[in-house]
Amino acid sequence: MLEILFLMAFGILIGFFLRGKKRAVFWVEKAILWSIFLLLFFLGLSIGGDELIMASLPSLGLNAFLITLGGVSGSVLAAWATWKFLFNRKKRSTQ
């Protein structure tokens, strides 16, 4: 855990010095994107190779769908409530 904090602090320090360098930021963003793609690929590879997970995929799939549906619905509801509470108030006060 301590290594992660040191790496994060080191990244913040390097990012501080690279903030004005658009070309460096461009390449860092590309590297981050491809790193995420690779991590997702290896995660899929790991899940696909696990026989227990693959055998229970039908029930896991339904649970995952229901959790996703609930999460998205809750996010939309929270975003709507935030919009209504914060931004609609400004519109009323300017009229």
PDB file of N, CA and C in Angstrom:
ATOM      1  N   MET A   1       0.825  -1.194   0.000  1.00  0.00           N
ATOM      2  CA  MET A   1       0.000   0.000   0.000  1.00  0.00           C
ATOM      3  C   MET A   1       0.872   1.262   0.000  1.00  0.00           C
ATOM      4  N   LEU A   2       1.957   1.202   0.729  1.00  0.00           N
ATOM      5  CA  LEU A   2       2.848   2.348   0.792  1.00  0.00           C
ATOM      6  C   LEU A   2       3.482   2.630  -0.575  1.00  0.00           C
ATOM      7  N   GLU A   3       3.767   1.562  -1.317  1.00  0.00           N
ATOM      8  CA  GLU A   3       4.337   1.745  -2.659  1.00  0.00           C
ATOM      9  C   GLU A   3       3.365   2.495  -3.558  1.00  0.00           C
ATOM     10  N   ILE A   4       2.078   2.181  -3.428  1.00  0.00           N
ATOM     11  CA  ILE A   4       1.059   2.847  -4.248  1.00  0.00           C
ATOM     12  C   ILE A   4       1.008   4.332  -3.919  1.00  0.00           C
ATOM     13  N   LEU A   5       1.071   4.664  -2.647  1.00  0.00           N
ATOM     14  CA  LEU A   5       1.058   6.079  -2.260  1.00  0.00           C
ATOM     15  C   LEU A   5       2.289   6.814  -2.763  1.00  0.00           C
ATOM     16  N   PHE A   6       3.455   6.165  -2.692  1.00  0.00           N
ATOM     17  CA  PHE A   6       4.673   6.793  -3.217  1.00  0.00           C
ATOM     18  C   PHE A   6       4.593   6.985  -4.727  1.00  0.00           C
ATOM     19  N   LEU A   7       4.084   5.989  -5.433  1.00  0.00           N
ATOM     20  CA  LEU A   7       3.929   6.125  -6.882  1.00  0.00           C
ATOM     21  C   LEU A   7       2.949   7.239  -7.233  1.00  0.00           C
ATOM     22  N   MET A   8       1.864   7.331  -6.481  1.00  0.00           N
ATOM     23  CA  MET A   8       0.888   8.387  -6.720  1.00  0.00           C
ATOM     24  C   MET A   8       1.515   9.767  -6.474  1.00  0.00           C
ATOM     25  N   ALA A   9       2.256   9.898  -5.371  1.00  0.00           N
ATOM     26  CA  ALA A   9       2.917  11.175  -5.070  1.00  0.00           C
ATOM     27  C   ALA A   9       3.951  11.519  -6.141  1.00  0.00           C
ATOM     28  N   PHE A  10       4.692  10.516  -6.604  1.00  0.00           N
ATOM     29  CA  PHE A  10       5.675  10.739  -7.656  1.00  0.00           C
ATOM     30  C   PHE A  10       4.988  11.168  -8.957  1.00  0.00           C
ATOM     31  N   GLY A  11       3.856  10.530  -9.265  1.00  0.00           N
ATOM     32  CA  GLY A  11       3.092  10.913 -10.453  1.00  0.00           C
ATOM     33  C   GLY A  11       2.557  12.332 -10.367  1.00  0.00           C
ATOM     34  N   ILE A  12       2.112  12.721  -9.183  1.00  0.00           N
ATOM     35  CA  ILE A  12       1.632  14.095  -8.992  1.00  0.00           C
ATOM     36  C   ILE A  12       2.773  15.085  -9.196  1.00  0.00           C
ATOM     37  N   LEU A  13       3.932  14.760  -8.672  1.00  0.00           N
ATOM     38  CA  LEU A  13       5.100  15.629  -8.826  1.00  0.00           C
ATOM     39  C   LEU A  13       5.496  15.762 -10.296  1.00  0.00           C
ATOM     40  N   ILE A  14       5.561  14.650 -11.007  1.00  0.00           N
ATOM     41  CA  ILE A  14       5.896  14.695 -12.439  1.00  0.00           C
ATOM     42  C   ILE A  14       4.807  15.456 -13.210  1.00  0.00           C
ATOM     43  N   GLY A  15       3.545  15.196 -12.871  1.00  0.00           N
ATOM     44  CA  GLY A  15       2.444  15.911 -13.510  1.00  0.00           C
ATOM     45  C   GLY A  15       2.515  17.405 -13.286  1.00  0.00           C
ATOM     46  N   PHE A  16       2.975  17.806 -12.108  1.00  0.00           N
ATOM     47  CA  PHE A  16       3.127  19.230 -11.812  1.00  0.00           C
ATOM     48  C   PHE A  16       4.125  19.878 -12.765  1.00  0.00           C
ATOM     49  N   PHE A  17       5.217  19.171 -13.049  1.00  0.00           N
ATOM     50  CA  PHE A  17       6.229  19.722 -13.946  1.00  0.00           C
ATOM     51  C   PHE A  17       5.841  19.610 -15.422  1.00  0.00           C
ATOM     52  N   LEU A  18       4.914  18.714 -15.751  1.00  0.00           N
ATOM     53  CA  LEU A  18       4.501  18.535 -17.151  1.00  0.00           C
ATOM     54  C   LEU A  18       3.233  19.304 -17.514  1.00  0.00           C
ATOM     55  N   ARG A  19       2.708  20.131 -16.609  1.00  0.00           N
ATOM     56  CA  ARG A  19       1.417  20.740 -16.894  1.00  0.00           C
ATOM     57  C   ARG A  19       1.419  21.669 -18.094  1.00  0.00           C
ATOM     58  N   GLY A  20       2.483  22.300 -18.427  1.00  0.00           N
ATOM     59  CA  GLY A  20       2.498  23.193 -19.579  1.00  0.00           C
ATOM     60  C   GLY A  20       2.917  22.509 -20.876  1.00  0.00           C
ATOM     61  N   LYS A  21       3.319  21.266 -20.808  1.00  0.00           N
ATOM     62  CA  LYS A  21       3.831  20.535 -21.977  1.00  0.00           C
ATOM     63  C   LYS A  21       2.699  19.738 -22.626  1.00  0.00           C
ATOM     64  N   LYS A  22       2.071  20.325 -23.642  1.00  0.00           N
ATOM     65  CA  LYS A  22       0.917  19.680 -24.279  1.00  0.00           C
ATOM     66  C   LYS A  22       1.286  18.369 -24.966  1.00  0.00           C
ATOM     67  N   ARG A  23       2.447  18.318 -25.563  1.00  0.00           N
ATOM     68  CA  ARG A  23       2.853  17.101 -26.272  1.00  0.00           C
ATOM     69  C   ARG A  23       3.060  15.941 -25.291  1.00  0.00           C
ATOM     70  N   ALA A  24       3.681  16.214 -24.149  1.00  0.00           N
ATOM     71  CA  ALA A  24       3.895  15.172 -23.143  1.00  0.00           C
ATOM     72  C   ALA A  24       2.567  14.691 -22.573  1.00  0.00           C
ATOM     73  N   VAL A  25       1.662  15.628 -22.313  1.00  0.00           N
ATOM     74  CA  VAL A  25       0.343  15.260 -21.785  1.00  0.00           C
ATOM     75  C   VAL A  25      -0.406  14.411 -22.803  1.00  0.00           C
ATOM     76  N   PHE A  26      -0.297  14.731 -24.082  1.00  0.00           N
ATOM     77  CA  PHE A  26      -0.945  13.954 -25.136  1.00  0.00           C
ATOM     78  C   PHE A  26      -0.482  12.501 -25.098  1.00  0.00           C
ATOM     79  N   TRP A  27       0.840  12.300 -24.990  1.00  0.00           N
ATOM     80  CA  TRP A  27       1.367  10.929 -24.980  1.00  0.00           C
ATOM     81  C   TRP A  27       1.048  10.197 -23.686  1.00  0.00           C
ATOM     82  N   VAL A  28       1.011  10.922 -22.596  1.00  0.00           N
ATOM     83  CA  VAL A  28       0.638  10.295 -21.321  1.00  0.00           C
ATOM     84  C   VAL A  28      -0.809   9.827 -21.373  1.00  0.00           C
ATOM     85  N   GLU A  29      -1.702  10.647 -21.942  1.00  0.00           N
ATOM     86  CA  GLU A  29      -3.105  10.255 -22.066  1.00  0.00           C
ATOM     87  C   GLU A  29      -3.257   9.027 -22.954  1.00  0.00           C
ATOM     88  N   LYS A  30      -2.491   8.962 -24.037  1.00  0.00           N
ATOM     89  CA  LYS A  30      -2.531   7.776 -24.897  1.00  0.00           C
ATOM     90  C   LYS A  30      -2.044   6.538 -24.150  1.00  0.00           C
ATOM     91  N   ALA A  31      -0.974   6.689 -23.380  1.00  0.00           N
ATOM     92  CA  ALA A  31      -0.440   5.564 -22.609  1.00  0.00           C
ATOM     93  C   ALA A  31      -1.443   5.086 -21.566  1.00  0.00           C
ATOM     94  N   ILE A  32      -2.131   6.008 -20.927  1.00  0.00           N
ATOM     95  CA  ILE A  32      -3.154   5.639 -19.948  1.00  0.00           C
ATOM     96  C   ILE A  32      -4.278   4.870 -20.617  1.00  0.00           C
ATOM     97  N   LEU A  33      -4.730   5.346 -21.768  1.00  0.00           N
ATOM     98  CA  LEU A  33      -5.812   4.674 -22.484  1.00  0.00           C
ATOM     99  C   LEU A  33      -5.431   3.243 -22.857  1.00  0.00           C
ATOM    100  N   TRP A  34      -4.234   3.067 -23.401  1.00  0.00           N
ATOM    101  CA  TRP A  34      -3.797   1.730 -23.796  1.00  0.00           C
ATOM    102  C   TRP A  34      -3.529   0.844 -22.582  1.00  0.00           C
ATOM    103  N   SER A  35      -3.100   1.429 -21.479  1.00  0.00           N
ATOM    104  CA  SER A  35      -2.921   0.643 -20.255  1.00  0.00           C
ATOM    105  C   SER A  35      -4.266   0.119 -19.751  1.00  0.00           C
ATOM    106  N   ILE A  36      -5.285   0.951 -19.820  1.00  0.00           N
ATOM    107  CA  ILE A  36      -6.618   0.508 -19.411  1.00  0.00           C
ATOM    108  C   ILE A  36      -7.107  -0.600 -20.324  1.00  0.00           C
ATOM    109  N   PHE A  37      -6.896  -0.451 -21.633  1.00  0.00           N
ATOM    110  CA  PHE A  37      -7.294  -1.510 -22.570  1.00  0.00           C
ATOM    111  C   PHE A  37      -6.603  -2.827 -22.238  1.00  0.00           C
ATOM    112  N   LEU A  38      -5.296  -2.765 -21.969  1.00  0.00           N
ATOM    113  CA  LEU A  38      -4.552  -3.979 -21.624  1.00  0.00           C
ATOM    114  C   LEU A  38      -5.038  -4.600 -20.322  1.00  0.00           C
ATOM    115  N   LEU A  39      -5.309  -3.767 -19.322  1.00  0.00           N
ATOM    116  CA  LEU A  39      -5.821  -4.286 -18.056  1.00  0.00           C
ATOM    117  C   LEU A  39      -7.170  -4.975 -18.244  1.00  0.00           C
ATOM    118  N   LEU A  40      -8.048  -4.375 -19.036  1.00  0.00           N
ATOM    119  CA  LEU A  40      -9.347  -4.996 -19.306  1.00  0.00           C
ATOM    120  C   LEU A  40      -9.190  -6.304 -20.068  1.00  0.00           C
ATOM    121  N   PHE A  41      -8.266  -6.332 -21.019  1.00  0.00           N
ATOM    122  CA  PHE A  41      -8.016  -7.560 -21.770  1.00  0.00           C
ATOM    123  C   PHE A  41      -7.534  -8.671 -20.850  1.00  0.00           C
ATOM    124  N   PHE A  42      -6.564  -8.354 -19.987  1.00  0.00           N
ATOM    125  CA  PHE A  42      -6.035  -9.374 -19.078  1.00  0.00           C
ATOM    126  C   PHE A  42      -7.066  -9.795 -18.033  1.00  0.00           C
ATOM    127  N   LEU A  43      -7.930  -8.880 -17.634  1.00  0.00           N
ATOM    128  CA  LEU A  43      -9.016  -9.247 -16.735  1.00  0.00           C
ATOM    129  C   LEU A  43      -9.963 -10.230 -17.417  1.00  0.00           C
ATOM    130  N   GLY A  44     -10.312  -9.954 -18.672  1.00  0.00           N
ATOM    131  CA  GLY A  44     -11.154 -10.881 -19.434  1.00  0.00           C
ATOM    132  C   GLY A  44     -10.472 -12.220 -19.634  1.00  0.00           C
ATOM    133  N   LEU A  45      -9.189 -12.206 -19.884  1.00  0.00           N
ATOM    134  CA  LEU A  45      -8.421 -13.437 -20.037  1.00  0.00           C
ATOM    135  C   LEU A  45      -8.443 -14.260 -18.746  1.00  0.00           C
ATOM    136  N   SER A  46      -8.293 -13.586 -17.643  1.00  0.00           N
ATOM    137  CA  SER A  46      -8.318 -14.262 -16.346  1.00  0.00           C
ATOM    138  C   SER A  46      -9.702 -14.844 -16.038  1.00  0.00           C
ATOM    139  N   ILE A  47     -10.739 -14.095 -16.311  1.00  0.00           N
ATOM    140  CA  ILE A  47     -12.100 -14.581 -16.067  1.00  0.00           C
ATOM    141  C   ILE A  47     -12.437 -15.721 -17.014  1.00  0.00           C
ATOM    142  N   GLY A  48     -12.057 -15.594 -18.274  1.00  0.00           N
ATOM    143  CA  GLY A  48     -12.333 -16.645 -19.244  1.00  0.00           C
ATOM    144  C   GLY A  48     -11.623 -17.944 -18.929  1.00  0.00           C
ATOM    145  N   GLY A  49     -10.496 -17.876 -18.257  1.00  0.00           N
ATOM    146  CA  GLY A  49      -9.748 -19.076 -17.906  1.00  0.00           C
ATOM    147  C   GLY A  49     -10.196 -19.732 -16.608  1.00  0.00           C
ATOM    148  N   ASP A  50     -11.049 -19.068 -15.857  1.00  0.00           N
ATOM    149  CA  ASP A  50     -11.522 -19.608 -14.582  1.00  0.00           C
ATOM    150  C   ASP A  50     -12.792 -20.435 -14.826  1.00  0.00           C
ATOM    151  N   GLU A  51     -12.690 -21.758 -14.629  1.00  0.00           N
ATOM    152  CA  GLU A  51     -13.820 -22.653 -14.916  1.00  0.00           C
ATOM    153  C   GLU A  51     -14.999 -22.406 -13.992  1.00  0.00           C
ATOM    154  N   LEU A  52     -14.743 -22.074 -12.738  1.00  0.00           N
ATOM    155  CA  LEU A  52     -15.824 -21.839 -11.785  1.00  0.00           C
ATOM    156  C   LEU A  52     -16.660 -20.631 -12.186  1.00  0.00           C
ATOM    157  N   ILE A  53     -16.004 -19.559 -12.572  1.00  0.00           N
ATOM    158  CA  ILE A  53     -16.728 -18.354 -13.000  1.00  0.00           C
ATOM    159  C   ILE A  53     -17.495 -18.635 -14.286  1.00  0.00           C
ATOM    160  N   MET A  54     -16.877 -19.323 -15.224  1.00  0.00           N
ATOM    161  CA  MET A  54     -17.545 -19.606 -16.492  1.00  0.00           C
ATOM    162  C   MET A  54     -18.751 -20.529 -16.297  1.00  0.00           C
ATOM    163  N   ALA A  55     -18.670 -21.456 -15.334  1.00  0.00           N
ATOM    164  CA  ALA A  55     -19.792 -22.362 -15.086  1.00  0.00           C
ATOM    165  C   ALA A  55     -20.970 -21.631 -14.449  1.00  0.00           C
ATOM    166  N   SER A  56     -20.683 -20.624 -13.627  1.00  0.00           N
ATOM    167  CA  SER A  56     -21.765 -19.900 -12.956  1.00  0.00           C
ATOM    168  C   SER A  56     -22.108 -18.593 -13.667  1.00  0.00           C
ATOM    169  N   LEU A  57     -21.701 -18.441 -14.906  1.00  0.00           N
ATOM    170  CA  LEU A  57     -21.942 -17.211 -15.659  1.00  0.00           C
ATOM    171  C   LEU A  57     -23.418 -16.873 -15.842  1.00  0.00           C
ATOM    172  N   PRO A  58     -24.305 -17.859 -16.109  1.00  0.00           N
ATOM    173  CA  PRO A  58     -25.715 -17.472 -16.273  1.00  0.00           C
ATOM    174  C   PRO A  58     -26.300 -16.772 -15.049  1.00  0.00           C
ATOM    175  N   SER A  59     -26.053 -17.283 -13.859  1.00  0.00           N
ATOM    176  CA  SER A  59     -26.595 -16.624 -12.665  1.00  0.00           C
ATOM    177  C   SER A  59     -25.829 -15.342 -12.357  1.00  0.00           C
ATOM    178  N   LEU A  60     -24.525 -15.339 -12.588  1.00  0.00           N
ATOM    179  CA  LEU A  60     -23.753 -14.116 -12.384  1.00  0.00           C
ATOM    180  C   LEU A  60     -24.174 -13.035 -13.372  1.00  0.00           C
ATOM    181  N   GLY A  61     -24.488 -13.447 -14.581  1.00  0.00           N
ATOM    182  CA  GLY A  61     -24.902 -12.483 -15.599  1.00  0.00           C
ATOM    183  C   GLY A  61     -26.183 -11.773 -15.226  1.00  0.00           C
ATOM    184  N   LEU A  62     -27.148 -12.519 -14.689  1.00  0.00           N
ATOM    185  CA  LEU A  62     -28.407 -11.910 -14.278  1.00  0.00           C
ATOM    186  C   LEU A  62     -28.172 -10.957 -13.107  1.00  0.00           C
ATOM    187  N   ASN A  63     -27.387 -11.391 -12.132  1.00  0.00           N
ATOM    188  CA  ASN A  63     -27.086 -10.519 -10.993  1.00  0.00           C
ATOM    189  C   ASN A  63     -26.347  -9.262 -11.448  1.00  0.00           C
ATOM    190  N   ALA A  64     -25.394  -9.431 -12.335  1.00  0.00           N
ATOM    191  CA  ALA A  64     -24.639  -8.278 -12.833  1.00  0.00           C
ATOM    192  C   ALA A  64     -25.552  -7.306 -13.574  1.00  0.00           C
ATOM    193  N   PHE A  65     -26.483  -7.847 -14.361  1.00  0.00           N
ATOM    194  CA  PHE A  65     -27.427  -6.990 -15.087  1.00  0.00           C
ATOM    195  C   PHE A  65     -28.300  -6.210 -14.119  1.00  0.00           C
ATOM    196  N   LEU A  66     -28.804  -6.873 -13.080  1.00  0.00           N
ATOM    197  CA  LEU A  66     -29.664  -6.199 -12.110  1.00  0.00           C
ATOM    198  C   LEU A  66     -28.900  -5.143 -11.316  1.00  0.00           C
ATOM    199  N   ILE A  67     -27.661  -5.451 -10.936  1.00  0.00           N
ATOM    200  CA  ILE A  67     -26.838  -4.469 -10.219  1.00  0.00           C
ATOM    201  C   ILE A  67     -26.543  -3.270 -11.124  1.00  0.00           C
ATOM    202  N   THR A  68     -26.245  -3.535 -12.396  1.00  0.00           N
ATOM    203  CA  THR A  68     -25.977  -2.455 -13.343  1.00  0.00           C
ATOM    204  C   THR A  68     -27.206  -1.588 -13.536  1.00  0.00           C
ATOM    205  N   LEU A  69     -28.347  -2.221 -13.695  1.00  0.00           N
ATOM    206  CA  LEU A  69     -29.599  -1.488 -13.873  1.00  0.00           C
ATOM    207  C   LEU A  69     -29.881  -0.606 -12.656  1.00  0.00           C
ATOM    208  N   GLY A  70     -29.683  -1.154 -11.468  1.00  0.00           N
ATOM    209  CA  GLY A  70     -29.888  -0.363 -10.249  1.00  0.00           C
ATOM    210  C   GLY A  70     -28.892   0.773 -10.124  1.00  0.00           C
ATOM    211  N   GLY A  71     -27.639   0.509 -10.463  1.00  0.00           N
ATOM    212  CA  GLY A  71     -26.618   1.553 -10.385  1.00  0.00           C
ATOM    213  C   GLY A  71     -26.863   2.686 -11.352  1.00  0.00           C
ATOM    214  N   VAL A  72     -27.216   2.342 -12.581  1.00  0.00           N
ATOM    215  CA  VAL A  72     -27.487   3.375 -13.583  1.00  0.00           C
ATOM    216  C   VAL A  72     -28.739   4.163 -13.205  1.00  0.00           C
ATOM    217  N   SER A  73     -29.771   3.459 -12.756  1.00  0.00           N
ATOM    218  CA  SER A  73     -31.001   4.148 -12.350  1.00  0.00           C
ATOM    219  C   SER A  73     -30.741   5.090 -11.177  1.00  0.00           C
ATOM    220  N   GLY A  74     -29.979   4.635 -10.202  1.00  0.00           N
ATOM    221  CA  GLY A  74     -29.652   5.485  -9.071  1.00  0.00           C
ATOM    222  C   GLY A  74     -28.818   6.690  -9.473  1.00  0.00           C
ATOM    223  N   SER A  75     -27.889   6.491 -10.403  1.00  0.00           N
ATOM    224  CA  SER A  75     -27.058   7.606 -10.870  1.00  0.00           C
ATOM    225  C   SER A  75     -27.891   8.638 -11.615  1.00  0.00           C
ATOM    226  N   VAL A  76     -28.799   8.161 -12.459  1.00  0.00           N
ATOM    227  CA  VAL A  76     -29.663   9.085 -13.207  1.00  0.00           C
ATOM    228  C   VAL A  76     -30.561   9.850 -12.239  1.00  0.00           C
ATOM    229  N   LEU A  77     -31.118   9.154 -11.262  1.00  0.00           N
ATOM    230  CA  LEU A  77     -31.970   9.812 -10.273  1.00  0.00           C
ATOM    231  C   LEU A  77     -31.186  10.834  -9.457  1.00  0.00           C
ATOM    232  N   ALA A  78     -29.978  10.497  -9.040  1.00  0.00           N
ATOM    233  CA  ALA A  78     -29.151  11.433  -8.273  1.00  0.00           C
ATOM    234  C   ALA A  78     -28.748  12.635  -9.132  1.00  0.00           C
ATOM    235  N   ALA A  79     -28.423  12.397 -10.404  1.00  0.00           N
ATOM    236  CA  ALA A  79     -28.066  13.508 -11.295  1.00  0.00           C
ATOM    237  C   ALA A  79     -29.259  14.434 -11.511  1.00  0.00           C
ATOM    238  N   TRP A  80     -30.441  13.845 -11.683  1.00  0.00           N
ATOM    239  CA  TRP A  80     -31.648  14.649 -11.863  1.00  0.00           C
ATOM    240  C   TRP A  80     -31.926  15.481 -10.618  1.00  0.00           C
ATOM    241  N   ALA A  81     -31.819  14.861  -9.426  1.00  0.00           N
ATOM    242  CA  ALA A  81     -32.074  15.579  -8.177  1.00  0.00           C
ATOM    243  C   ALA A  81     -31.044  16.691  -7.977  1.00  0.00           C
ATOM    244  N   THR A  82     -29.793  16.421  -8.311  1.00  0.00           N
ATOM    245  CA  THR A  82     -28.754  17.447  -8.202  1.00  0.00           C
ATOM    246  C   THR A  82     -29.045  18.605  -9.139  1.00  0.00           C
ATOM    247  N   TRP A  83     -29.414  18.304 -10.366  1.00  0.00           N
ATOM    248  CA  TRP A  83     -29.746  19.340 -11.352  1.00  0.00           C
ATOM    249  C   TRP A  83     -30.924  20.172 -10.852  1.00  0.00           C
ATOM    250  N   LYS A  84     -31.948  19.495 -10.386  1.00  0.00           N
ATOM    251  CA  LYS A  84     -33.146  20.179  -9.913  1.00  0.00           C
ATOM    252  C   LYS A  84     -32.825  21.057  -8.702  1.00  0.00           C
ATOM    253  N   PHE A  85     -32.038  20.542  -7.762  1.00  0.00           N
ATOM    254  CA  PHE A  85     -31.750  21.263  -6.533  1.00  0.00           C
ATOM    255  C   PHE A  85     -30.766  22.412  -6.741  1.00  0.00           C
ATOM    256  N   LEU A  86     -29.708  22.189  -7.513  1.00  0.00           N
ATOM    257  CA  LEU A  86     -28.664  23.197  -7.644  1.00  0.00           C
ATOM    258  C   LEU A  86     -28.892  24.170  -8.795  1.00  0.00           C
ATOM    259  N   PHE A  87     -29.194  23.663  -9.965  1.00  0.00           N
ATOM    260  CA  PHE A  87     -29.221  24.516 -11.147  1.00  0.00           C
ATOM    261  C   PHE A  87     -30.582  25.131 -11.419  1.00  0.00           C
ATOM    262  N   ASN A  88     -31.633  24.476 -11.041  1.00  0.00           N
ATOM    263  CA  ASN A  88     -32.961  25.029 -11.261  1.00  0.00           C
ATOM    264  C   ASN A  88     -33.207  26.213 -10.328  1.00  0.00           C
ATOM    265  N   ARG A  89     -32.571  26.202  -9.170  1.00  0.00           N
ATOM    266  CA  ARG A  89     -32.705  27.293  -8.210  1.00  0.00           C
ATOM    267  C   ARG A  89     -32.120  28.577  -8.781  1.00  0.00           C
ATOM    268  N   LYS A  90     -30.998  28.483  -9.481  1.00  0.00           N
ATOM    269  CA  LYS A  90     -30.375  29.665 -10.083  1.00  0.00           C
ATOM    270  C   LYS A  90     -31.280  30.252 -11.154  1.00  0.00           C
ATOM    271  N   LYS A  91     -31.932  29.375 -11.916  1.00  0.00           N
ATOM    272  CA  LYS A  91     -32.812  29.851 -12.980  1.00  0.00           C
ATOM    273  C   LYS A  91     -33.986  30.615 -12.384  1.00  0.00           C
ATOM    274  N   ARG A  92     -34.531  30.138 -11.266  1.00  0.00           N
ATOM    275  CA  ARG A  92     -35.658  30.812 -10.618  1.00  0.00           C
ATOM    276  C   ARG A  92     -35.251  32.162 -10.036  1.00  0.00           C
ATOM    277  N   SER A  93     -34.050  32.244  -9.476  1.00  0.00           N
ATOM    278  CA  SER A  93     -33.625  33.473  -8.820  1.00  0.00           C
ATOM    279  C   SER A  93     -33.296  34.582  -9.832  1.00  0.00           C
ATOM    280  N   THR A  94     -32.987  34.230 -11.089  1.00  0.00           N
ATOM    281  CA  THR A  94     -32.668  35.251 -12.086  1.00  0.00           C
ATOM    282  C   THR A  94     -33.909  35.793 -12.774  1.00  0.00           C
ATOM    283  N   GLN A  95     -35.028  35.134 -12.606  1.00  0.00           N
ATOM    284  CA  GLN A  95     -36.243  35.601 -13.298  1.00  0.00           C
ATOM    285  C   GLN A  95     -36.973  36.638 -12.514  1.00  0.00           C
TER     286      GLN A  95
END
